[in-house]
Protein backbone atom coordinates (compact mmCIF):
# COMPACT_ATOMS: atom_id res chain seq x y z
CA MET A 1 0.00 0.00 0.00
CA SER A 2 1.35 3.40 -0.99
CA ILE A 3 1.28 6.34 1.43
CA THR A 4 1.54 9.99 0.42
CA THR A 5 2.85 12.58 2.89
CA LYS A 6 3.01 16.28 2.10
CA VAL A 7 5.37 18.66 3.91
CA GLY A 8 4.91 22.12 2.51
CA ALA A 9 5.64 21.96 -1.21
CA VAL A 10 7.30 18.53 -0.96
CA THR A 11 5.45 15.25 -1.47
CA PHE A 12 6.79 11.91 -0.24
CA ILE A 13 5.35 8.67 -1.61
CA HIS A 14 6.39 5.46 0.12
CA ASN A 15 5.08 2.06 1.08
CA ALA A 16 3.41 1.47 4.45
CA SER A 17 6.28 -0.67 5.75
CA MET A 18 8.72 2.25 5.36
CA THR A 19 11.13 0.11 3.34
CA GLY A 20 12.33 0.08 -0.24
CA GLU A 21 12.32 3.31 -2.22
CA ILE A 22 10.67 6.61 -1.43
CA GLU A 23 9.71 9.08 -4.13
CA ILE A 24 10.29 12.73 -3.30
CA GLU A 25 8.56 15.29 -5.50
CA ARG A 26 8.79 19.07 -5.53
CA ALA A 27 7.81 21.55 -8.23
CA GLY A 28 7.19 18.77 -10.75
CA LEU A 29 10.61 17.20 -10.24
CA ALA A 30 10.67 13.74 -8.69
CA VAL A 31 13.48 11.52 -7.49
CA LYS A 32 13.47 8.05 -5.95
CA VAL A 33 15.87 7.24 -3.14
CA PRO A 34 16.26 4.24 -0.86
CA PHE A 35 14.39 4.69 2.43
CA GLU A 36 17.64 3.74 4.20
CA ALA A 37 19.27 6.90 2.78
CA LEU A 38 16.64 9.06 4.49
CA LEU A 39 17.06 7.14 7.74
CA LYS A 40 20.81 7.80 7.61
CA ILE A 41 20.54 11.54 7.02
CA VAL A 42 17.81 12.03 9.63
CA SER A 43 19.63 9.92 12.23
CA ASP A 44 22.78 11.99 11.64
CA LYS A 45 20.76 15.16 12.34
CA VAL A 46 19.27 13.69 15.52
CA ARG A 47 22.72 12.53 16.66
CA GLN A 48 24.10 16.04 16.17
CA GLN A 49 21.24 17.55 18.16
CA MET A 50 21.79 15.05 20.96
CA ILE A 51 25.51 15.85 21.07
CA GLU A 52 24.76 19.57 21.26
CA GLY A 53 22.31 18.91 24.09
CA ILE A 54 24.85 16.87 26.03
CA GLU A 55 27.49 19.57 25.58
CA GLU A 56 25.13 22.06 27.25
CA LEU A 57 24.45 19.90 30.32
CA ARG A 58 25.65 21.00 33.74
CA PRO A 59 27.88 18.60 35.70
CA HIS A 60 25.05 17.34 37.94
CA GLU A 61 22.87 16.70 34.87
CA ILE A 62 25.62 14.64 33.24
CA LEU A 63 26.04 12.59 36.42
CA ALA A 64 22.28 12.03 36.70
CA LEU A 65 22.14 10.90 33.08
CA ALA A 66 25.07 8.53 33.59
CA ALA A 67 23.50 7.13 36.78
CA SER A 68 20.16 6.46 35.08
CA LYS A 69 21.89 4.61 32.24
CA ALA A 70 23.98 2.57 34.71
CA SER A 71 20.86 1.54 36.66
CA LYS A 72 19.17 0.35 33.46
CA LYS A 73 22.13 -1.96 32.74
CA ALA A 74 21.97 -3.56 36.19
């Protein structure tokens, strides 16, 4: 089943399982790219935002974050 998502002037057409190719169309120009390529670029953006957030943490916030992760491993 094909799903169409519009974001402003951009249209994305992809299958419901979010795998395979995605068609991206804007102003009459369309291109197909592997869904994995979009996952890669978006995950890189999220990673960068997370790094920036960590860099802004105060010492006690860093320690609290580390402690919560350590307790999840136990």
